[in-house]
Amino acid sequence: MRTQVGIVGAGPAGLLLSHLLARAGVDAVVLEARSREYVEQRVRAGVLEHPTVELLREVGLAGRFDRQGMPHEGISLRFDGGDHRIDFAALVGRGITVYGQQEVVKDLVAARLAAGGEIVFDAADVTLDGVDGDAPVVGYTKDGRRHELHCAAVAGCDGFHGVSRAVVAPQVFDRAHPYAWLGILAEAAPTHHELVYANHPRGFALYSMRSPEITRLYLQVPPDTDPAGWSDARIWDELGTRLAAEGFTLNEGPVLEKGVTGMRSFVAEPMRRGRLFLAGDAAHIVPPTGAKGMNLAIADVRVLAAALADLLLRGDERGVDAYSETCLRRVWRAEHFSAWMTSMLHVAPDGDAFDRRLQLSQLRYTVASRAAATSLAENYVGLPFPSGGSLS
């Protein structure tokens, strides 16, 4: 099988890249190790930055999103028993939208298949060869048979545990954080219209939502926590304690999903080897506190799609040569913001009274200073995507 771009991974990065390339007139085939049902059901992030929303609308993917997405114009920082709202609309004139990553994936899969795009699900044992030349080959197994996809470029959008990064063999910058999130998805209507980030002496808590009927909630726990050790009643009690504020009520309901997520910061440099390009979690991981993961992946492929179109349609290599440097500038800004949010909101397991007072001082300054609040708002709603060239 032949195509212009082989894309490994059918998450938001790989699927959106395929969509953007098709709009530019470049053929692509997406290979995914899991089934369609699996990729459309796995629950991940749910905050879309303003530039992400604009891009999805620009490329015709906003129909269901505009009907079901939940626009937010701010967040609350809760500490010292009080609620302090960061008003994005007033500070920077933009907001974010809550719309589950799995919903973005469903929209992208439907759009690609309706347009005749090719997505090969259950493609196992992927191998990458010839990436240093101009005719890479992607091998994979499907239904017990070995196949080869011959292409002019490969996009490694296969996540942190995929095969692509090992082939690039980049320099790695890595930091594990001494926190994890115990997260639940609950059948309980939200009682607050925006996200709440709570810093409590017992640890961090996050109040968020996925729909008018479903809430998504998190508690800071040690990284080695076994979710089986937390009963539903214990989780609701702890959430009630950490999120407590005057006038705030917490709806409880059946817990639909429960799990523990570790927290790390990770960057791979460069994001390219020859005709193999990394995007999304294959190249970088951020702590979820800043809500940047999916948005960084989408920023990557916005740049990569334009660069590949220039290379394959016009023979212009400037975009692909600048790809890694262009993306990494935004990646490192997001890494800094996410680490800053994480350290400001989580209680350090080895911290003392001095650390606690420094943390509270930072929180108080952030909500009292317009300059500090504006910086948080500007980063949270999303800095502009680098254009990376034209997709027309």
Protein backbone atom coordinates (compact mmCIF):
# COMPACT_ATOMS: atom_id res chain seq x y z
CA MET A 1 0.00 0.00 0.00
CA ARG A 2 1.25 3.47 -0.86
CA THR A 3 0.38 6.91 0.43
CA GLN A 4 2.12 10.25 0.89
CA VAL A 5 2.04 10.32 4.73
CA GLY A 6 1.82 7.37 7.07
CA ILE A 7 0.36 8.37 10.44
CA VAL A 8 0.92 6.09 13.42
CA GLY A 9 -1.77 6.59 16.04
CA ALA A 10 -5.47 7.53 15.87
CA GLY A 11 -5.67 9.91 18.79
CA PRO A 12 -6.55 13.58 18.32
CA ALA A 13 -3.10 14.36 16.87
CA GLY A 14 -3.05 11.65 14.22
CA LEU A 15 -6.68 12.03 13.20
CA LEU A 16 -6.56 15.82 12.98
CA LEU A 17 -3.31 15.65 11.00
CA SER A 18 -5.00 13.33 8.50
CA HIS A 19 -7.91 15.76 8.23
CA LEU A 20 -5.67 18.81 7.73
CA LEU A 21 -3.54 17.02 5.14
CA ALA A 22 -6.61 15.97 3.17
CA ARG A 23 -7.81 19.58 3.08
CA ALA A 24 -4.40 20.55 1.70
CA GLY A 25 -4.50 17.82 -0.97
CA VAL A 26 -2.09 15.36 0.66
CA ASP A 27 -3.00 11.67 0.98
CA ALA A 28 -2.52 9.92 4.32
CA VAL A 29 -3.26 6.59 5.98
CA VAL A 30 -3.75 6.32 9.75
CA LEU A 31 -2.65 3.17 11.58
CA GLU A 32 -4.03 2.47 15.05
CA ALA A 33 -3.12 -0.43 17.32
CA ARG A 34 -6.49 -0.42 19.09
CA SER A 35 -10.04 -0.93 17.88
CA ARG A 36 -12.30 1.91 16.81
CA GLU A 37 -14.53 1.24 19.83
CA TYR A 38 -11.56 1.56 22.19
CA VAL A 39 -10.24 4.86 20.84
CA GLU A 40 -13.70 6.42 20.79
CA GLN A 41 -14.45 5.46 24.39
CA ARG A 42 -11.21 6.15 26.29
CA VAL A 43 -11.78 9.13 28.57
CA ARG A 44 -9.06 11.76 28.54
CA ALA A 45 -8.79 15.53 28.83
CA GLY A 46 -11.79 17.76 28.38
CA VAL A 47 -10.55 21.37 28.15
CA LEU A 48 -10.10 22.94 24.73
CA GLU A 49 -8.10 26.16 24.46
CA HIS A 50 -9.45 29.08 22.47
CA PRO A 51 -7.00 28.48 19.55
CA THR A 52 -8.02 24.81 19.45
CA VAL A 53 -11.68 25.77 19.23
CA GLU A 54 -10.94 28.26 16.45
CA LEU A 55 -9.01 25.65 14.46
CA LEU A 56 -11.72 22.99 14.79
CA ARG A 57 -14.29 25.49 13.56
CA GLU A 58 -12.04 26.62 10.72
CA VAL A 59 -11.69 23.08 9.37
CA GLY A 60 -15.37 22.14 9.61
CA LEU A 61 -15.32 20.01 12.77
CA ALA A 62 -17.50 22.13 15.03
CA GLY A 63 -21.04 20.90 14.31
CA ARG A 64 -21.55 18.62 17.32
CA PHE A 65 -18.95 20.54 19.29
CA ASP A 66 -20.93 23.79 19.00
CA ARG A 67 -24.10 22.02 20.11
CA GLN A 68 -22.67 20.06 23.05
CA GLY A 69 -19.51 21.88 24.14
CA MET A 70 -19.65 23.91 27.35
CA PRO A 71 -18.03 27.36 26.99
CA HIS A 72 -16.37 28.71 30.14
CA GLU A 73 -15.21 32.27 30.71
CA GLY A 74 -13.16 31.63 33.86
CA ILE A 75 -12.03 29.27 36.59
CA SER A 76 -12.06 29.44 40.37
CA LEU A 77 -9.04 29.12 42.64
CA ARG A 78 -10.27 27.95 46.04
CA PHE A 79 -8.05 28.29 49.11
CA ASP A 80 -8.20 29.70 52.64
CA GLY A 81 -11.85 28.61 52.65
CA GLY A 82 -12.72 31.18 49.98
CA ASP A 83 -13.47 31.15 46.25
CA HIS A 84 -11.51 33.45 43.92
CA ARG A 85 -12.60 33.66 40.29
CA ILE A 86 -10.15 34.29 37.46
CA ASP A 87 -12.30 36.04 34.84
CA PHE A 88 -10.81 35.07 31.47
CA ALA A 89 -13.27 37.13 29.47
CA ALA A 90 -12.53 40.32 31.40
CA LEU A 91 -8.77 39.76 31.51
CA VAL A 92 -7.97 38.51 28.00
CA GLY A 93 -11.27 38.53 26.09
CA ARG A 94 -11.25 34.77 25.43
CA GLY A 95 -12.32 31.58 27.15
CA ILE A 96 -12.09 27.79 26.97
CA THR A 97 -14.59 25.07 26.13
CA VAL A 98 -15.20 21.82 27.99
CA TYR A 99 -15.65 18.98 25.47
CA GLY A 100 -14.27 15.52 26.10
CA GLN A 101 -11.27 14.29 24.15
CA GLN A 102 -13.16 11.13 23.25
CA GLU A 103 -15.84 13.33 21.67
CA VAL A 104 -13.18 15.08 19.57
CA VAL A 105 -11.95 11.66 18.48
CA LYS A 106 -15.46 10.53 17.52
CA ASP A 107 -15.93 13.67 15.44
CA LEU A 108 -12.59 13.21 13.69
CA VAL A 109 -13.12 9.50 12.96
CA ALA A 110 -16.56 10.20 11.52
CA ALA A 111 -15.25 13.09 9.41
CA ARG A 112 -12.32 11.11 8.03
CA LEU A 113 -14.38 8.04 7.13
CA ALA A 114 -17.16 10.13 5.59
CA ALA A 115 -14.55 11.82 3.37
CA GLY A 116 -13.09 8.48 2.26
CA GLY A 117 -10.03 8.70 4.47
CA GLU A 118 -8.34 5.44 5.46
CA ILE A 119 -7.96 4.46 9.12
CA VAL A 120 -6.60 0.98 9.78
CA PHE A 121 -7.67 -0.10 13.27
CA ASP A 122 -6.14 -3.10 15.08
CA ALA A 123 -2.81 -2.54 13.31
CA ALA A 124 -0.32 -4.29 15.60
CA ASP A 125 3.48 -4.65 15.78
CA VAL A 126 4.29 -1.42 13.93
CA THR A 127 7.84 -1.03 12.63
CA LEU A 128 9.47 2.00 10.98
CA ASP A 129 12.22 1.65 8.40
CA GLY A 130 13.99 3.97 5.98
CA VAL A 131 13.11 7.17 7.81
CA ASP A 132 16.50 8.71 6.96
CA GLY A 133 15.66 8.59 3.28
CA ASP A 134 12.72 9.89 1.25
CA ALA A 135 10.80 6.58 1.08
CA PRO A 136 10.03 5.32 4.63
CA VAL A 137 8.20 2.03 5.12
CA VAL A 138 5.77 1.37 7.96
CA GLY A 139 5.23 -2.31 8.68
CA TYR A 140 2.30 -3.66 10.67
CA THR A 141 0.24 -6.79 11.32
CA LYS A 142 -3.49 -6.88 10.62
CA ASP A 143 -5.68 -10.00 10.94
CA GLY A 144 -2.61 -12.16 11.27
CA ARG A 145 -0.98 -10.91 8.05
CA ARG A 146 2.03 -8.64 7.67
CA HIS A 147 1.59 -5.44 5.63
CA GLU A 148 3.80 -2.59 4.43
CA LEU A 149 2.81 1.03 3.97
CA HIS A 150 5.19 2.88 1.63
CA CYS A 151 5.14 6.64 2.03
CA ALA A 152 7.12 9.85 1.68
CA ALA A 153 6.90 10.86 5.36
CA VAL A 154 5.78 9.39 8.67
CA ALA A 155 4.07 11.13 11.59
CA GLY A 156 4.58 9.45 14.95
CA CYS A 157 1.39 10.30 16.83
CA ASP A 158 1.43 7.06 18.82
CA GLY A 159 1.71 8.44 22.33
CA PHE A 160 4.20 8.11 25.13
CA HIS A 161 4.44 4.32 24.87
CA GLY A 162 4.53 4.12 21.06
CA VAL A 163 7.39 2.99 18.83
CA SER A 164 8.09 6.28 17.04
CA ARG A 165 10.09 8.12 19.69
CA ALA A 166 12.58 5.24 20.04
CA VAL A 167 13.32 5.50 16.31
CA VAL A 168 13.94 9.24 16.56
CA ALA A 169 16.22 8.59 19.58
CA PRO A 170 15.95 12.16 20.90
CA GLN A 171 17.44 13.75 23.98
CA VAL A 172 14.94 13.37 26.81
CA PHE A 173 14.09 15.86 29.55
CA ASP A 174 12.01 14.16 32.25
CA ARG A 175 10.69 14.97 35.70
CA ALA A 176 8.35 12.86 37.84
CA HIS A 177 6.14 14.79 40.24
CA PRO A 178 5.42 13.41 43.73
CA TYR A 179 1.67 13.58 43.18
CA ALA A 180 -1.06 11.61 41.43
CA TRP A 181 -4.74 12.23 40.77
CA LEU A 182 -7.47 9.86 41.88
CA GLY A 183 -10.13 10.67 39.32
CA ILE A 184 -13.78 9.71 39.05
CA LEU A 185 -16.45 10.14 36.40
CA ALA A 186 -19.80 10.45 38.16
CA GLU A 187 -23.40 10.49 37.06
CA ALA A 188 -24.11 13.72 38.92
CA ALA A 189 -25.21 17.03 37.46
CA PRO A 190 -22.67 19.84 37.91
CA THR A 191 -23.57 22.41 40.54
CA HIS A 192 -20.95 24.95 39.48
CA HIS A 193 -20.71 26.34 35.95
CA GLU A 194 -16.89 26.52 35.80
CA LEU A 195 -13.86 24.49 36.88
CA VAL A 196 -12.71 24.79 40.48
CA TYR A 197 -9.05 24.29 41.45
CA ALA A 198 -8.86 23.81 45.21
CA ASN A 199 -5.76 24.03 47.39
CA HIS A 200 -6.59 22.49 50.76
CA PRO A 201 -4.24 21.50 53.60
CA ARG A 202 -5.23 17.88 52.93
CA GLY A 203 -4.30 18.18 49.25
CA PHE A 204 -5.46 19.42 45.88
CA ALA A 205 -8.92 18.79 44.41
CA LEU A 206 -10.40 19.63 41.01
CA TYR A 207 -14.08 20.05 40.22
CA SER A 208 -14.90 19.76 36.52
CA MET A 209 -17.58 18.40 34.25
CA ARG A 210 -18.08 16.56 30.97
CA SER A 211 -21.73 17.30 30.24
CA PRO A 212 -24.84 18.72 31.94
CA GLU A 213 -25.31 15.26 33.51
CA ILE A 214 -21.73 14.11 34.20
CA THR A 215 -19.07 15.50 36.54
CA ARG A 216 -15.34 14.74 36.47
CA LEU A 217 -13.57 15.13 39.82
CA TYR A 218 -10.04 14.59 41.08
CA LEU A 219 -8.19 14.27 44.39
CA GLN A 220 -4.45 14.58 44.99
CA VAL A 221 -3.13 11.23 46.25
CA PRO A 222 0.32 9.58 46.53
CA PRO A 223 1.60 8.11 43.23
CA ASP A 224 1.43 4.52 44.55
CA THR A 225 -2.27 4.77 45.47
CA ASP A 226 -4.46 1.77 44.69
CA PRO A 227 -7.92 3.07 43.65
CA ALA A 228 -9.48 -0.06 45.14
CA GLY A 229 -8.50 1.32 48.54
CA TRP A 230 -10.85 4.26 48.07
CA SER A 231 -14.55 3.49 48.43
CA ASP A 232 -17.05 5.75 46.70
CA ALA A 233 -18.19 7.07 50.08
CA ARG A 234 -14.62 7.92 51.08
CA ILE A 235 -14.03 9.76 47.79
CA TRP A 236 -17.20 11.85 48.14
CA ASP A 237 -16.36 12.70 51.75
CA GLU A 238 -12.86 13.84 50.81
CA LEU A 239 -14.11 15.85 47.84
CA GLY A 240 -16.64 17.54 50.12
CA THR A 241 -13.89 18.48 52.56
CA ARG A 242 -11.38 19.82 50.04
CA LEU A 243 -13.89 21.66 47.87
CA ALA A 244 -15.86 23.22 50.73
CA ALA A 245 -16.75 26.89 50.33
CA GLU A 246 -19.65 29.09 51.34
CA GLY A 247 -22.63 28.52 49.07
CA PHE A 248 -21.07 25.55 47.26
CA THR A 249 -22.89 22.24 47.07
CA LEU A 250 -21.52 18.99 45.68
CA ASN A 251 -23.89 16.64 43.90
CA GLU A 252 -23.14 12.99 44.49
CA GLY A 253 -24.09 10.15 42.18
CA PRO A 254 -23.06 6.73 40.87
CA VAL A 255 -19.34 6.52 40.09
CA LEU A 256 -18.99 5.39 36.47
CA GLU A 257 -15.20 5.25 36.34
CA LYS A 258 -12.34 5.43 38.83
CA GLY A 259 -8.57 5.50 38.31
CA VAL A 260 -5.23 6.94 39.41
CA THR A 261 -3.10 9.05 37.05
CA GLY A 262 0.54 9.80 37.76
CA MET A 263 2.04 13.19 36.96
CA ARG A 264 5.17 13.88 34.99
CA SER A 265 6.80 16.48 32.76
CA PHE A 266 8.54 15.10 29.68
CA VAL A 267 10.01 16.60 26.51
CA ALA A 268 11.87 14.90 23.66
CA GLU A 269 14.23 16.98 21.51
CA PRO A 270 14.31 17.06 18.55
CA MET A 271 10.84 16.05 17.38
CA ARG A 272 12.19 14.82 14.05
CA ARG A 273 14.52 12.32 12.46
CA GLY A 274 14.72 12.52 8.68
CA ARG A 275 11.21 11.91 7.35
CA LEU A 276 9.81 10.84 10.74
CA PHE A 277 8.09 13.55 12.80
CA LEU A 278 6.83 13.23 16.37
CA ALA A 279 3.65 14.95 17.53
CA GLY A 280 1.62 15.04 20.72
CA ASP A 281 2.36 12.68 23.60
CA ALA A 282 5.04 10.90 21.59
CA ALA A 283 7.13 14.05 22.05
CA HIS A 284 5.92 15.65 25.28
CA ILE A 285 3.88 15.08 28.41
CA VAL A 286 2.62 17.76 30.81
CA PRO A 287 1.00 17.50 34.25
CA PRO A 288 -2.77 17.73 33.71
CA THR A 289 -3.13 20.73 36.04
CA GLY A 290 -2.67 23.22 33.20
CA ALA A 291 -5.04 21.40 30.77
CA LYS A 292 -2.46 21.48 27.98
CA GLY A 293 -1.96 17.90 26.74
CA MET A 294 -4.46 17.62 23.87
CA ASN A 295 -4.05 21.28 22.98
CA LEU A 296 -0.28 20.87 22.52
CA ALA A 297 -0.89 17.87 20.26
CA ILE A 298 -3.27 19.90 18.12
CA ALA A 299 -0.78 22.78 17.93
CA ASP A 300 1.92 20.33 16.77
CA VAL A 301 -0.11 18.92 13.90
CA ARG A 302 -1.28 22.38 12.79
CA VAL A 303 2.40 23.17 12.18
CA LEU A 304 3.24 19.73 10.81
CA ALA A 305 0.37 19.62 8.31
CA ALA A 306 1.46 22.89 6.70
CA ALA A 307 5.11 21.81 6.68
CA LEU A 308 4.35 18.46 5.04
CA ALA A 309 2.10 20.10 2.46
CA ASP A 310 4.94 22.46 1.55
CA LEU A 311 7.39 19.57 1.33
CA LEU A 312 5.27 17.10 -0.63
CA LEU A 313 3.35 19.44 -2.91
CA ARG A 314 5.88 22.21 -3.49
CA GLY A 315 9.25 20.71 -2.63
CA ASP A 316 9.79 23.37 0.03
CA GLU A 317 11.73 21.96 3.01
CA ARG A 318 11.79 25.08 5.17
CA GLY A 319 8.73 24.10 7.17
CA VAL A 320 9.90 20.59 8.04
CA ASP A 321 13.37 21.89 8.86
CA ALA A 322 11.86 24.36 11.34
CA TYR A 323 9.17 22.00 12.67
CA SER A 324 10.87 20.85 15.85
CA GLU A 325 12.13 24.28 16.90
CA THR A 326 8.77 25.91 16.11
CA CYS A 327 6.78 23.43 18.20
CA LEU A 328 9.21 23.23 21.09
CA ARG A 329 8.94 26.95 21.82
CA ARG A 330 5.25 26.46 22.60
CA VAL A 331 5.86 23.12 24.30
CA TRP A 332 8.33 24.55 26.82
CA ARG A 333 6.01 27.48 27.62
CA ALA A 334 3.23 24.98 28.35
CA GLU A 335 5.61 22.82 30.39
CA HIS A 336 6.49 25.81 32.55
CA PHE A 337 2.88 26.88 33.03
CA SER A 338 1.73 23.35 33.87
CA ALA A 339 4.54 22.82 36.38
CA TRP A 340 3.81 26.22 37.94
CA MET A 341 0.10 25.45 38.33
CA THR A 342 0.96 22.05 39.77
CA SER A 343 3.40 23.38 42.37
CA MET A 344 1.07 26.22 43.36
CA LEU A 345 -1.97 24.00 43.90
CA HIS A 346 -0.64 20.69 45.24
CA VAL A 347 0.51 20.09 48.79
CA ALA A 348 4.08 18.77 48.71
CA PRO A 349 4.38 15.47 50.63
CA ASP A 350 7.69 16.57 52.15
CA GLY A 351 6.76 20.24 52.57
CA ASP A 352 6.87 22.12 55.85
CA ALA A 353 5.12 25.17 57.29
CA PHE A 354 7.50 27.50 55.43
CA ASP A 355 6.63 25.90 52.06
CA ARG A 356 2.94 26.11 52.87
CA ARG A 357 3.12 29.82 53.57
CA LEU A 358 5.05 30.46 50.36
CA GLN A 359 2.37 28.59 48.45
CA LEU A 360 -0.45 30.58 50.01
CA SER A 361 1.44 33.79 49.31
CA GLN A 362 1.62 32.87 45.62
CA LEU A 363 -2.09 32.06 45.49
CA ARG A 364 -3.06 35.29 47.23
CA TYR A 365 -0.87 37.32 44.90
CA THR A 366 -2.27 35.58 41.82
CA VAL A 367 -5.87 36.43 42.65
CA ALA A 368 -5.12 39.95 43.99
CA SER A 369 -2.86 41.18 41.19
CA ARG A 370 -4.45 41.91 37.82
CA ALA A 371 -1.08 41.35 36.15
CA ALA A 372 -0.64 37.94 37.77
CA ALA A 373 -4.25 36.92 37.05
CA THR A 374 -3.87 38.04 33.44
CA SER A 375 -0.75 35.93 33.01
CA LEU A 376 -2.61 32.87 34.31
CA ALA A 377 -5.61 33.60 32.08
CA GLU A 378 -3.49 34.19 28.96
CA ASN A 379 -1.67 30.89 29.38
CA TYR A 380 -4.74 28.90 30.39
CA VAL A 381 -6.95 29.95 27.46
CA GLY A 382 -4.05 29.27 25.10
CA LEU A 383 -1.34 31.26 23.41
CA PRO A 384 -1.76 31.64 19.64
CA PHE A 385 -0.78 28.61 17.57
CA PRO A 386 2.33 29.09 15.44
CA SER A 387 1.02 29.20 11.88
CA GLY A 388 3.70 26.99 10.36
CA GLY A 389 2.59 28.06 6.89
CA SER A 390 -0.59 27.83 4.84
CA LEU A 391 -2.88 24.80 4.64
CA SER A 392 -4.63 25.97 1.47
